[in-house]
Amino acid sequence: MKFTDNFNSEEFTCGCGKCVDIINRDFVNTLQKIRDEFGPMRITSGYRCEDHNKAVGGSEKSYHMRGMAADILCASWPRRILLIQLGLKYGLTVGLGKGFIHLDSRENQIVFHY
């Protein structure tokens, strides 16, 4: 199912392969605004059920389990910096991971995921 011009439900499907289309639409709309300025994005983790979140070592309070978080593949520093700036511009929390940027709907925080 298509959520926005550039995002569809498959991109946010839980990695367990059983949970689909459990994502906050306001969050996806914010991601679309970021994508409009950033360019193509590859979501590596969207929604996570509790079991999958535990399996990947996610936080017990992970916004992924609420359908309000996404990890975006992003390896080059110029692109990472731009994505960090855009995430903060649109009021999201930004997490810095190895090779990815985490965005979630908490307000303007920077967290580390290394």
PDB file of N, CA and C in Angstrom:
ATOM      1  N   MET A   1       0.841  -1.170   0.000  1.00  0.00           N
ATOM      2  CA  MET A   1       0.000   0.000   0.000  1.00  0.00           C
ATOM      3  C   MET A   1       0.893   1.243   0.000  1.00  0.00           C
ATOM      4  N   LYS A   2       0.535   2.200  -0.810  1.00  0.00           N
ATOM      5  CA  LYS A   2       1.294   3.436  -0.906  1.00  0.00           C
ATOM      6  C   LYS A   2       0.859   4.407   0.189  1.00  0.00           C
ATOM      7  N   PHE A   3       1.818   4.908   0.969  1.00  0.00           N
ATOM      8  CA  PHE A   3       1.532   5.868   2.033  1.00  0.00           C
ATOM      9  C   PHE A   3       1.666   7.308   1.552  1.00  0.00           C
ATOM     10  N   THR A   4       2.747   7.569   0.814  1.00  0.00           N
ATOM     11  CA  THR A   4       3.036   8.910   0.312  1.00  0.00           C
ATOM     12  C   THR A   4       3.550   8.761  -1.113  1.00  0.00           C
ATOM     13  N   ASP A   5       3.991   9.854  -1.708  1.00  0.00           N
ATOM     14  CA  ASP A   5       4.533   9.789  -3.066  1.00  0.00           C
ATOM     15  C   ASP A   5       5.691   8.805  -3.180  1.00  0.00           C
ATOM     16  N   ASN A   6       6.489   8.673  -2.115  1.00  0.00           N
ATOM     17  CA  ASN A   6       7.696   7.857  -2.201  1.00  0.00           C
ATOM     18  C   ASN A   6       7.804   6.718  -1.205  1.00  0.00           C
ATOM     19  N   PHE A   7       6.864   6.564  -0.314  1.00  0.00           N
ATOM     20  CA  PHE A   7       6.938   5.493   0.678  1.00  0.00           C
ATOM     21  C   PHE A   7       5.729   4.577   0.594  1.00  0.00           C
ATOM     22  N   ASN A   8       5.984   3.275   0.782  1.00  0.00           N
ATOM     23  CA  ASN A   8       4.895   2.302   0.788  1.00  0.00           C
ATOM     24  C   ASN A   8       5.039   1.389   2.004  1.00  0.00           C
ATOM     25  N   SER A   9       4.007   0.623   2.266  1.00  0.00           N
ATOM     26  CA  SER A   9       3.955  -0.197   3.476  1.00  0.00           C
ATOM     27  C   SER A   9       5.083  -1.223   3.551  1.00  0.00           C
ATOM     28  N   GLU A  10       5.526  -1.752   2.417  1.00  0.00           N
ATOM     29  CA  GLU A  10       6.574  -2.774   2.437  1.00  0.00           C
ATOM     30  C   GLU A  10       7.868  -2.259   3.069  1.00  0.00           C
ATOM     31  N   GLU A  11       8.134  -0.973   2.932  1.00  0.00           N
ATOM     32  CA  GLU A  11       9.365  -0.412   3.478  1.00  0.00           C
ATOM     33  C   GLU A  11       9.366  -0.395   5.006  1.00  0.00           C
ATOM     34  N   PHE A  12       8.197  -0.435   5.606  1.00  0.00           N
ATOM     35  CA  PHE A  12       8.079  -0.331   7.054  1.00  0.00           C
ATOM     36  C   PHE A  12       7.671  -1.643   7.713  1.00  0.00           C
ATOM     37  N   THR A  13       7.545  -2.715   6.932  1.00  0.00           N
ATOM     38  CA  THR A  13       7.121  -4.015   7.447  1.00  0.00           C
ATOM     39  C   THR A  13       8.127  -4.547   8.456  1.00  0.00           C
ATOM     40  N   CYS A  14       7.623  -5.135   9.513  1.00  0.00           N
ATOM     41  CA  CYS A  14       8.469  -5.716  10.556  1.00  0.00           C
ATOM     42  C   CYS A  14       9.391  -6.778   9.953  1.00  0.00           C
ATOM     43  N   GLY A  15      10.619  -6.818  10.436  1.00  0.00           N
ATOM     44  CA  GLY A  15      11.598  -7.792   9.966  1.00  0.00           C
ATOM     45  C   GLY A  15      11.241  -9.239  10.269  1.00  0.00           C
ATOM     46  N   CYS A  16      10.250  -9.459  11.131  1.00  0.00           N
ATOM     47  CA  CYS A  16       9.833 -10.842  11.425  1.00  0.00           C
ATOM     48  C   CYS A  16       9.052 -11.424  10.245  1.00  0.00           C
ATOM     49  N   GLY A  17       8.591 -10.546   9.349  1.00  0.00           N
ATOM     50  CA  GLY A  17       7.856 -10.991   8.171  1.00  0.00           C
ATOM     51  C   GLY A  17       6.381 -11.241   8.402  1.00  0.00           C
ATOM     52  N   LYS A  18       5.905 -11.030   9.611  1.00  0.00           N
ATOM     53  CA  LYS A  18       4.501 -11.290   9.928  1.00  0.00           C
ATOM     54  C   LYS A  18       3.684 -10.015  10.092  1.00  0.00           C
ATOM     55  N   CYS A  19       4.304  -8.950  10.530  1.00  0.00           N
ATOM     56  CA  CYS A  19       3.596  -7.700  10.844  1.00  0.00           C
ATOM     57  C   CYS A  19       3.694  -6.733   9.660  1.00  0.00           C
ATOM     58  N   VAL A  20       2.584  -6.261   9.188  1.00  0.00           N
ATOM     59  CA  VAL A  20       2.605  -5.327   8.059  1.00  0.00           C
ATOM     60  C   VAL A  20       1.760  -4.101   8.359  1.00  0.00           C
ATOM     61  N   ASP A  21       2.097  -3.002   7.699  1.00  0.00           N
ATOM     62  CA  ASP A  21       1.285  -1.791   7.696  1.00  0.00           C
ATOM     63  C   ASP A  21       0.980  -1.270   9.095  1.00  0.00           C
ATOM     64  N   ILE A  22       1.948  -1.378  10.004  1.00  0.00           N
ATOM     65  CA  ILE A  22       1.760  -0.829  11.344  1.00  0.00           C
ATOM     66  C   ILE A  22       2.756   0.314  11.491  1.00  0.00           C
ATOM     67  N   ILE A  23       2.396   1.459  10.947  1.00  0.00           N
ATOM     68  CA  ILE A  23       3.274   2.621  10.993  1.00  0.00           C
ATOM     69  C   ILE A  23       2.415   3.862  11.154  1.00  0.00           C
ATOM     70  N   ASN A  24       2.896   4.803  11.908  1.00  0.00           N
ATOM     71  CA  ASN A  24       2.174   6.042  12.156  1.00  0.00           C
ATOM     72  C   ASN A  24       2.217   6.913  10.902  1.00  0.00           C
ATOM     73  N   ARG A  25       1.057   7.247  10.386  1.00  0.00           N
ATOM     74  CA  ARG A  25       0.989   8.006   9.125  1.00  0.00           C
ATOM     75  C   ARG A  25       1.564   9.414   9.259  1.00  0.00           C
ATOM     76  N   ASP A  26       1.395  10.061  10.419  1.00  0.00           N
ATOM     77  CA  ASP A  26       1.991  11.387  10.606  1.00  0.00           C
ATOM     78  C   ASP A  26       3.510  11.310  10.530  1.00  0.00           C
ATOM     79  N   PHE A  27       4.071  10.249  11.108  1.00  0.00           N
ATOM     80  CA  PHE A  27       5.518  10.055  11.052  1.00  0.00           C
ATOM     81  C   PHE A  27       5.977   9.878   9.598  1.00  0.00           C
ATOM     82  N   VAL A  28       5.261   9.062   8.839  1.00  0.00           N
ATOM     83  CA  VAL A  28       5.626   8.842   7.434  1.00  0.00           C
ATOM     84  C   VAL A  28       5.495  10.140   6.635  1.00  0.00           C
ATOM     85  N   ASN A  29       4.492  10.935   6.933  1.00  0.00           N
ATOM     86  CA  ASN A  29       4.336  12.218   6.239  1.00  0.00           C
ATOM     87  C   ASN A  29       5.520  13.138   6.529  1.00  0.00           C
ATOM     88  N   THR A  30       6.030  13.094   7.765  1.00  0.00           N
ATOM     89  CA  THR A  30       7.220  13.876   8.100  1.00  0.00           C
ATOM     90  C   THR A  30       8.434  13.339   7.345  1.00  0.00           C
ATOM     91  N   LEU A  31       8.573  12.008   7.274  1.00  0.00           N
ATOM     92  CA  LEU A  31       9.664  11.424   6.492  1.00  0.00           C
ATOM     93  C   LEU A  31       9.587  11.844   5.028  1.00  0.00           C
ATOM     94  N   GLN A  32       8.383  11.953   4.493  1.00  0.00           N
ATOM     95  CA  GLN A  32       8.220  12.371   3.100  1.00  0.00           C
ATOM     96  C   GLN A  32       8.736  13.803   2.907  1.00  0.00           C
ATOM     97  N   LYS A  33       8.458  14.684   3.858  1.00  0.00           N
ATOM     98  CA  LYS A  33       8.972  16.058   3.771  1.00  0.00           C
ATOM     99  C   LYS A  33      10.497  16.052   3.759  1.00  0.00           C
ATOM    100  N   ILE A  34      11.082  15.210   4.601  1.00  0.00           N
ATOM    101  CA  ILE A  34      12.543  15.099   4.646  1.00  0.00           C
ATOM    102  C   ILE A  34      13.055  14.546   3.320  1.00  0.00           C
ATOM    103  N   ARG A  35      12.393  13.526   2.807  1.00  0.00           N
ATOM    104  CA  ARG A  35      12.810  12.916   1.551  1.00  0.00           C
ATOM    105  C   ARG A  35      12.721  13.900   0.389  1.00  0.00           C
ATOM    106  N   ASP A  36      11.718  14.769   0.408  1.00  0.00           N
ATOM    107  CA  ASP A  36      11.578  15.777  -0.648  1.00  0.00           C
ATOM    108  C   ASP A  36      12.813  16.660  -0.733  1.00  0.00           C
ATOM    109  N   GLU A  37      13.465  16.908   0.399  1.00  0.00           N
ATOM    110  CA  GLU A  37      14.669  17.734   0.422  1.00  0.00           C
ATOM    111  C   GLU A  37      15.949  16.902   0.305  1.00  0.00           C
ATOM    112  N   PHE A  38      15.919  15.691   0.825  1.00  0.00           N
ATOM    113  CA  PHE A  38      17.115  14.853   0.900  1.00  0.00           C
ATOM    114  C   PHE A  38      17.366  14.042  -0.365  1.00  0.00           C
ATOM    115  N   GLY A  39      16.288  13.580  -0.985  1.00  0.00           N
ATOM    116  CA  GLY A  39      16.400  12.677  -2.122  1.00  0.00           C
ATOM    117  C   GLY A  39      16.066  11.264  -1.696  1.00  0.00           C
ATOM    118  N   PRO A  40      16.321  10.282  -2.562  1.00  0.00           N
ATOM    119  CA  PRO A  40      15.960   8.891  -2.258  1.00  0.00           C
ATOM    120  C   PRO A  40      16.531   8.408  -0.929  1.00  0.00           C
ATOM    121  N   MET A  41      15.706   7.630  -0.225  1.00  0.00           N
ATOM    122  CA  MET A  41      16.097   7.068   1.072  1.00  0.00           C
ATOM    123  C   MET A  41      15.776   5.588   1.071  1.00  0.00           C
ATOM    124  N   ARG A  42      16.624   4.802   1.723  1.00  0.00           N
ATOM    125  CA  ARG A  42      16.343   3.373   1.886  1.00  0.00           C
ATOM    126  C   ARG A  42      16.107   3.084   3.360  1.00  0.00           C
ATOM    127  N   ILE A  43      14.878   2.697   3.690  1.00  0.00           N
ATOM    128  CA  ILE A  43      14.520   2.340   5.054  1.00  0.00           C
ATOM    129  C   ILE A  43      15.040   0.924   5.325  1.00  0.00           C
ATOM    130  N   THR A  44      15.876   0.773   6.348  1.00  0.00           N
ATOM    131  CA  THR A  44      16.390  -0.555   6.684  1.00  0.00           C
ATOM    132  C   THR A  44      15.634  -1.181   7.847  1.00  0.00           C
ATOM    133  N   SER A  45      14.936  -0.363   8.622  1.00  0.00           N
ATOM    134  CA  SER A  45      14.107  -0.869   9.716  1.00  0.00           C
ATOM    135  C   SER A  45      13.012   0.146   9.992  1.00  0.00           C
ATOM    136  N   GLY A  46      11.771  -0.321   9.923  1.00  0.00           N
ATOM    137  CA  GLY A  46      10.622   0.528  10.230  1.00  0.00           C
ATOM    138  C   GLY A  46       9.940   0.001  11.470  1.00  0.00           C
ATOM    139  N   TYR A  47       8.734  -0.499  11.295  1.00  0.00           N
ATOM    140  CA  TYR A  47       8.005  -1.065  12.431  1.00  0.00           C
ATOM    141  C   TYR A  47       8.692  -2.346  12.909  1.00  0.00           C
ATOM    142  N   ARG A  48       8.684  -2.563  14.220  1.00  0.00           N
ATOM    143  CA  ARG A  48       9.168  -3.815  14.813  1.00  0.00           C
ATOM    144  C   ARG A  48       8.174  -4.276  15.870  1.00  0.00           C
ATOM    145  N   CYS A  49       7.774  -5.524  15.787  1.00  0.00           N
ATOM    146  CA  CYS A  49       6.977  -6.094  16.865  1.00  0.00           C
ATOM    147  C   CYS A  49       7.909  -6.302  18.064  1.00  0.00           C
ATOM    148  N   GLU A  50       7.352  -6.565  19.218  1.00  0.00           N
ATOM    149  CA  GLU A  50       8.157  -6.728  20.430  1.00  0.00           C
ATOM    150  C   GLU A  50       9.191  -7.843  20.291  1.00  0.00           C
ATOM    151  N   ASP A  51       8.782  -8.972  19.710  1.00  0.00           N
ATOM    152  CA  ASP A  51       9.713 -10.100  19.562  1.00  0.00           C
ATOM    153  C   ASP A  51      10.881  -9.751  18.639  1.00  0.00           C
ATOM    154  N   HIS A  52      10.587  -9.132  17.507  1.00  0.00           N
ATOM    155  CA  HIS A  52      11.656  -8.774  16.569  1.00  0.00           C
ATOM    156  C   HIS A  52      12.556  -7.702  17.167  1.00  0.00           C
ATOM    157  N   ASN A  53      11.964  -6.754  17.872  1.00  0.00           N
ATOM    158  CA  ASN A  53      12.755  -5.710  18.509  1.00  0.00           C
ATOM    159  C   ASN A  53      13.752  -6.316  19.498  1.00  0.00           C
ATOM    160  N   LYS A  54      13.311  -7.290  20.276  1.00  0.00           N
ATOM    161  CA  LYS A  54      14.215  -7.981  21.206  1.00  0.00           C
ATOM    162  C   LYS A  54      15.309  -8.720  20.446  1.00  0.00           C
ATOM    163  N   ALA A  55      14.925  -9.370  19.350  1.00  0.00           N
ATOM    164  CA  ALA A  55      15.876 -10.158  18.566  1.00  0.00           C
ATOM    165  C   ALA A  55      17.001  -9.304  17.980  1.00  0.00           C
ATOM    166  N   VAL A  56      16.710  -8.049  17.657  1.00  0.00           N
ATOM    167  CA  VAL A  56      17.731  -7.178  17.073  1.00  0.00           C
ATOM    168  C   VAL A  56      18.409  -6.296  18.118  1.00  0.00           C
ATOM    169  N   GLY A  57      18.071  -6.497  19.387  1.00  0.00           N
ATOM    170  CA  GLY A  57      18.709  -5.739  20.457  1.00  0.00           C
ATOM    171  C   GLY A  57      18.183  -4.336  20.625  1.00  0.00           C
ATOM    172  N   GLY A  58      16.941  -4.095  20.203  1.00  0.00           N
ATOM    173  CA  GLY A  58      16.339  -2.769  20.332  1.00  0.00           C
ATOM    174  C   GLY A  58      15.987  -2.426  21.770  1.00  0.00           C
ATOM    175  N   SER A  59      15.836  -1.165  22.029  1.00  0.00           N
ATOM    176  CA  SER A  59      15.466  -0.676  23.346  1.00  0.00           C
ATOM    177  C   SER A  59      14.075  -1.177  23.743  1.00  0.00           C
ATOM    178  N   GLU A  60      13.875  -1.394  25.031  1.00  0.00           N
ATOM    179  CA  GLU A  60      12.558  -1.823  25.510  1.00  0.00           C
ATOM    180  C   GLU A  60      11.482  -0.761  25.258  1.00  0.00           C
ATOM    181  N   LYS A  61      11.910   0.490  25.075  1.00  0.00           N
ATOM    182  CA  LYS A  61      10.977   1.593  24.822  1.00  0.00           C
ATOM    183  C   LYS A  61      11.089   2.091  23.382  1.00  0.00           C
ATOM    184  N   SER A  62      11.590   1.257  22.496  1.00  0.00           N
ATOM    185  CA  SER A  62      11.844   1.645  21.114  1.00  0.00           C
ATOM    186  C   SER A  62      10.610   2.216  20.421  1.00  0.00           C
ATOM    187  N   TYR A  63      10.807   3.326  19.756  1.00  0.00           N
ATOM    188  CA  TYR A  63       9.726   3.916  18.967  1.00  0.00           C
ATOM    189  C   TYR A  63       9.421   3.088  17.724  1.00  0.00           C
ATOM    190  N   HIS A  64      10.312   2.174  17.358  1.00  0.00           N
ATOM    191  CA  HIS A  64      10.026   1.245  16.262  1.00  0.00           C
ATOM    192  C   HIS A  64       8.780   0.425  16.595  1.00  0.00           C
ATOM    193  N   MET A  65       8.615   0.054  17.869  1.00  0.00           N
ATOM    194  CA  MET A  65       7.466  -0.767  18.269  1.00  0.00           C
ATOM    195  C   MET A  65       6.166   0.026  18.260  1.00  0.00           C
ATOM    196  N   ARG A  66       6.267   1.338  18.194  1.00  0.00           N
ATOM    197  CA  ARG A  66       5.086   2.201  18.117  1.00  0.00           C
ATOM    198  C   ARG A  66       4.769   2.584  16.666  1.00  0.00           C
ATOM    199  N   GLY A  67       5.645   2.162  15.753  1.00  0.00           N
ATOM    200  CA  GLY A  67       5.461   2.557  14.356  1.00  0.00           C
ATOM    201  C   GLY A  67       5.819   4.011  14.121  1.00  0.00           C
ATOM    202  N   MET A  68       6.722   4.528  14.948  1.00  0.00           N
ATOM    203  CA  MET A  68       7.085   5.937  14.877  1.00  0.00           C
ATOM    204  C   MET A  68       8.591   6.134  14.782  1.00  0.00           C
ATOM    205  N   ALA A  69       9.264   5.203  14.088  1.00  0.00           N
ATOM    206  CA  ALA A  69      10.717   5.285  13.931  1.00  0.00           C
ATOM    207  C   ALA A  69      11.136   4.584  12.643  1.00  0.00           C
ATOM    208  N   ALA A  70      12.268   5.026  12.118  1.00  0.00           N
ATOM    209  CA  ALA A  70      12.842   4.390  10.935  1.00  0.00           C
ATOM    210  C   ALA A  70      14.353   4.542  10.973  1.00  0.00           C
ATOM    211  N   ASP A  71      15.048   3.497  10.533  1.00  0.00           N
ATOM    212  CA  ASP A  71      16.485   3.559  10.325  1.00  0.00           C
ATOM    213  C   ASP A  71      16.701   3.700   8.824  1.00  0.00           C
ATOM    214  N   ILE A  72      17.557   4.634   8.455  1.00  0.00           N
ATOM    215  CA  ILE A  72      17.764   4.963   7.049  1.00  0.00           C
ATOM    216  C   ILE A  72      19.230   4.730   6.704  1.00  0.00           C
ATOM    217  N   LEU A  73      19.457   3.913   5.685  1.00  0.00           N
ATOM    218  CA  LEU A  73      20.811   3.633   5.223  1.00  0.00           C
ATOM    219  C   LEU A  73      21.471   4.937   4.801  1.00  0.00           C
ATOM    220  N   CYS A  74      22.630   5.199   5.372  1.00  0.00           N
ATOM    221  CA  CYS A  74      23.305   6.458   5.060  1.00  0.00           C
ATOM    222  C   CYS A  74      24.747   6.345   5.537  1.00  0.00           C
ATOM    223  N   ALA A  75      25.671   6.151   4.612  1.00  0.00           N
ATOM    224  CA  ALA A  75      27.054   5.895   4.989  1.00  0.00           C
ATOM    225  C   ALA A  75      27.970   7.106   4.837  1.00  0.00           C
ATOM    226  N   SER A  76      27.733   7.957   3.846  1.00  0.00           N
ATOM    227  CA  SER A  76      28.672   9.061   3.616  1.00  0.00           C
ATOM    228  C   SER A  76      28.382  10.219   4.572  1.00  0.00           C
ATOM    229  N   TRP A  77      29.457  10.813   5.093  1.00  0.00           N
ATOM    230  CA  TRP A  77      29.281  11.875   6.075  1.00  0.00           C
ATOM    231  C   TRP A  77      28.555  13.099   5.540  1.00  0.00           C
ATOM    232  N   PRO A  78      28.796  13.570   4.346  1.00  0.00           N
ATOM    233  CA  PRO A  78      28.010  14.718   3.876  1.00  0.00           C
ATOM    234  C   PRO A  78      26.497  14.414   3.867  1.00  0.00           C
ATOM    235  N   ARG A  79      26.117  13.225   3.439  1.00  0.00           N
ATOM    236  CA  ARG A  79      24.692  12.848   3.418  1.00  0.00           C
ATOM    237  C   ARG A  79      24.166  12.646   4.841  1.00  0.00           C
ATOM    238  N   ARG A  80      24.981  12.074   5.721  1.00  0.00           N
ATOM    239  CA  ARG A  80      24.576  11.884   7.115  1.00  0.00           C
ATOM    240  C   ARG A  80      24.301  13.232   7.777  1.00  0.00           C
ATOM    241  N   ILE A  81      25.199  14.176   7.559  1.00  0.00           N
ATOM    242  CA  ILE A  81      25.023  15.508   8.149  1.00  0.00           C
ATOM    243  C   ILE A  81      23.738  16.146   7.633  1.00  0.00           C
ATOM    244  N   LEU A  82      23.483  16.052   6.347  1.00  0.00           N
ATOM    245  CA  LEU A  82      22.253  16.609   5.783  1.00  0.00           C
ATOM    246  C   LEU A  82      21.028  15.942   6.395  1.00  0.00           C
ATOM    247  N   LEU A  83      21.039  14.615   6.515  1.00  0.00           N
ATOM    248  CA  LEU A  83      19.895  13.909   7.077  1.00  0.00           C
ATOM    249  C   LEU A  83      19.687  14.272   8.551  1.00  0.00           C
ATOM    250  N   ILE A  84      20.761  14.424   9.298  1.00  0.00           N
ATOM    251  CA  ILE A  84      20.671  14.860  10.695  1.00  0.00           C
ATOM    252  C   ILE A  84      20.026  16.238  10.766  1.00  0.00           C
ATOM    253  N   GLN A  85      20.501  17.163   9.936  1.00  0.00           N
ATOM    254  CA  GLN A  85      19.944  18.516   9.924  1.00  0.00           C
ATOM    255  C   GLN A  85      18.451  18.514   9.581  1.00  0.00           C
ATOM    256  N   LEU A  86      18.078  17.728   8.590  1.00  0.00           N
ATOM    257  CA  LEU A  86      16.673  17.681   8.181  1.00  0.00           C
ATOM    258  C   LEU A  86      15.809  17.033   9.264  1.00  0.00           C
ATOM    259  N   GLY A  87      16.312  15.975   9.891  1.00  0.00           N
ATOM    260  CA  GLY A  87      15.557  15.352  10.975  1.00  0.00           C
ATOM    261  C   GLY A  87      15.267  16.343  12.083  1.00  0.00           C
ATOM    262  N   LEU A  88      16.275  17.093  12.490  1.00  0.00           N
ATOM    263  CA  LEU A  88      16.090  18.093  13.535  1.00  0.00           C
ATOM    264  C   LEU A  88      15.199  19.238  13.061  1.00  0.00           C
ATOM    265  N   LYS A  89      15.357  19.640  11.817  1.00  0.00           N
ATOM    266  CA  LYS A  89      14.514  20.706  11.260  1.00  0.00           C
ATOM    267  C   LYS A  89      13.031  20.352  11.378  1.00  0.00           C
ATOM    268  N   TYR A  90      12.700  19.086  11.157  1.00  0.00           N
ATOM    269  CA  TYR A  90      11.304  18.654  11.202  1.00  0.00           C
ATOM    270  C   TYR A  90      10.904  18.094  12.571  1.00  0.00           C
ATOM    271  N   GLY A  91      11.719  18.378  13.594  1.00  0.00           N
ATOM    272  CA  GLY A  91      11.337  18.080  14.963  1.00  0.00           C
ATOM    273  C   GLY A  91      11.479  16.644  15.402  1.00  0.00           C
ATOM    274  N   LEU A  92      12.288  15.861  14.703  1.00  0.00           N
ATOM    275  CA  LEU A  92      12.465  14.458  15.060  1.00  0.00           C
ATOM    276  C   LEU A  92      13.701  14.263  15.928  1.00  0.00           C
ATOM    277  N   THR A  93      13.756  13.119  16.585  1.00  0.00           N
ATOM    278  CA  THR A  93      14.972  12.701  17.272  1.00  0.00           C
ATOM    279  C   THR A  93      15.851  11.988  16.259  1.00  0.00           C
ATOM    280  N   VAL A  94      17.124  12.243  16.338  1.00  0.00           N
ATOM    281  CA  VAL A  94      18.093  11.673  15.415  1.00  0.00           C
ATOM    282  C   VAL A  94      19.034  10.762  16.192  1.00  0.00           C
ATOM    283  N   GLY A  95      19.214   9.563  15.681  1.00  0.00           N
ATOM    284  CA  GLY A  95      20.171   8.628  16.260  1.00  0.00           C
ATOM    285  C   GLY A  95      21.255   8.328  15.246  1.00  0.00           C
ATOM    286  N   LEU A  96      22.481   8.296  15.710  1.00  0.00           N
ATOM    287  CA  LEU A  96      23.612   8.031  14.836  1.00  0.00           C
ATOM    288  C   LEU A  96      24.031   6.587  14.995  1.00  0.00           C
ATOM    289  N   GLY A  97      23.879   5.813  13.959  1.00  0.00           N
ATOM    290  CA  GLY A  97      24.281   4.420  13.971  1.00  0.00           C
ATOM    291  C   GLY A  97      25.394   4.179  12.980  1.00  0.00           C
ATOM    292  N   LYS A  98      25.970   3.021  13.024  1.00  0.00           N
ATOM    293  CA  LYS A  98      27.055   2.679  12.103  1.00  0.00           C
ATOM    294  C   LYS A  98      26.437   2.381  10.733  1.00  0.00           C
ATOM    295  N   GLY A  99      26.549   3.337   9.821  1.00  0.00           N
ATOM    296  CA  GLY A  99      26.023   3.164   8.471  1.00  0.00           C
ATOM    297  C   GLY A  99      24.555   3.527   8.303  1.00  0.00           C
ATOM    298  N   PHE A 100      23.921   3.984   9.377  1.00  0.00           N
ATOM    299  CA  PHE A 100      22.520   4.389   9.265  1.00  0.00           C
ATOM    300  C   PHE A 100      22.232   5.563  10.186  1.00  0.00           C
ATOM    301  N   ILE A 101      21.140   6.243   9.882  1.00  0.00           N
ATOM    302  CA  ILE A 101      20.618   7.300  10.736  1.00  0.00           C
ATOM    303  C   ILE A 101      19.243   6.848  11.202  1.00  0.00           C
ATOM    304  N   HIS A 102      19.012   6.929  12.494  1.00  0.00           N
ATOM    305  CA  HIS A 102      17.723   6.588  13.085  1.00  0.00           C
ATOM    306  C   HIS A 102      16.934   7.883  13.256  1.00  0.00           C
ATOM    307  N   LEU A 103      15.673   7.880  12.829  1.00  0.00           N
ATOM    308  CA  LEU A 103      14.776   9.009  13.058  1.00  0.00           C
ATOM    309  C   LEU A 103      13.546   8.496  13.781  1.00  0.00           C
ATOM    310  N   ASP A 104      13.112   9.229  14.803  1.00  0.00           N
ATOM    311  CA  ASP A 104      11.856   8.868  15.450  1.00  0.00           C
ATOM    312  C   ASP A 104      11.124  10.130  15.889  1.00  0.00           C
ATOM    313  N   SER A 105       9.900   9.949  16.355  1.00  0.00           N
ATOM    314  CA  SER A 105       9.013  11.078  16.583  1.00  0.00           C
ATOM    315  C   SER A 105       9.171  11.764  17.941  1.00  0.00           C
ATOM    316  N   ARG A 106      10.171  11.356  18.738  1.00  0.00           N
ATOM    317  CA  ARG A 106      10.467  12.172  19.925  1.00  0.00           C
ATOM    318  C   ARG A 106      10.947  13.524  19.428  1.00  0.00           C
ATOM    319  N   GLU A 107      10.882  14.524  20.260  1.00  0.00           N
ATOM    320  CA  GLU A 107      11.215  15.872  19.786  1.00  0.00           C
ATOM    321  C   GLU A 107      12.672  16.235  19.961  1.00  0.00           C
ATOM    322  N   ASN A 108      13.302  16.564  18.853  1.00  0.00           N
ATOM    323  CA  ASN A 108      14.632  17.168  18.772  1.00  0.00           C
ATOM    324  C   ASN A 108      15.639  16.697  19.806  1.00  0.00           C
ATOM    325  N   GLN A 109      16.018  15.452  19.708  1.00  0.00           N
ATOM    326  CA  GLN A 109      17.081  14.925  20.543  1.00  0.00           C
ATOM    327  C   GLN A 109      18.116  14.278  19.627  1.00  0.00           C
ATOM    328  N   ILE A 110      19.306  14.124  20.134  1.00  0.00           N
ATOM    329  CA  ILE A 110      20.317  13.370  19.396  1.00  0.00           C
ATOM    330  C   ILE A 110      20.734  12.218  20.308  1.00  0.00           C
ATOM    331  N   VAL A 111      20.661  10.998  19.779  1.00  0.00           N
ATOM    332  CA  VAL A 111      21.040   9.807  20.535  1.00  0.00           C
ATOM    333  C   VAL A 111      22.033   9.011  19.708  1.00  0.00           C
ATOM    334  N   PHE A 112      22.791   8.142  20.348  1.00  0.00           N
ATOM    335  CA  PHE A 112      23.792   7.357  19.657  1.00  0.00           C
ATOM    336  C   PHE A 112      23.429   5.883  19.696  1.00  0.00           C
ATOM    337  N   HIS A 113      23.608   5.196  18.568  1.00  0.00           N
ATOM    338  CA  HIS A 113      23.246   3.787  18.438  1.00  0.00           C
ATOM    339  C   HIS A 113      24.451   2.914  18.086  1.00  0.00           C
ATOM    340  N   TYR A 114      25.647   3.331  18.397  1.00  0.00           N
ATOM    341  CA  TYR A 114      26.818   2.520  18.058  1.00  0.00           C
ATOM    342  C   TYR A 114      26.942   1.363  18.993  1.00  0.00           C
TER     343      TYR A 114
END
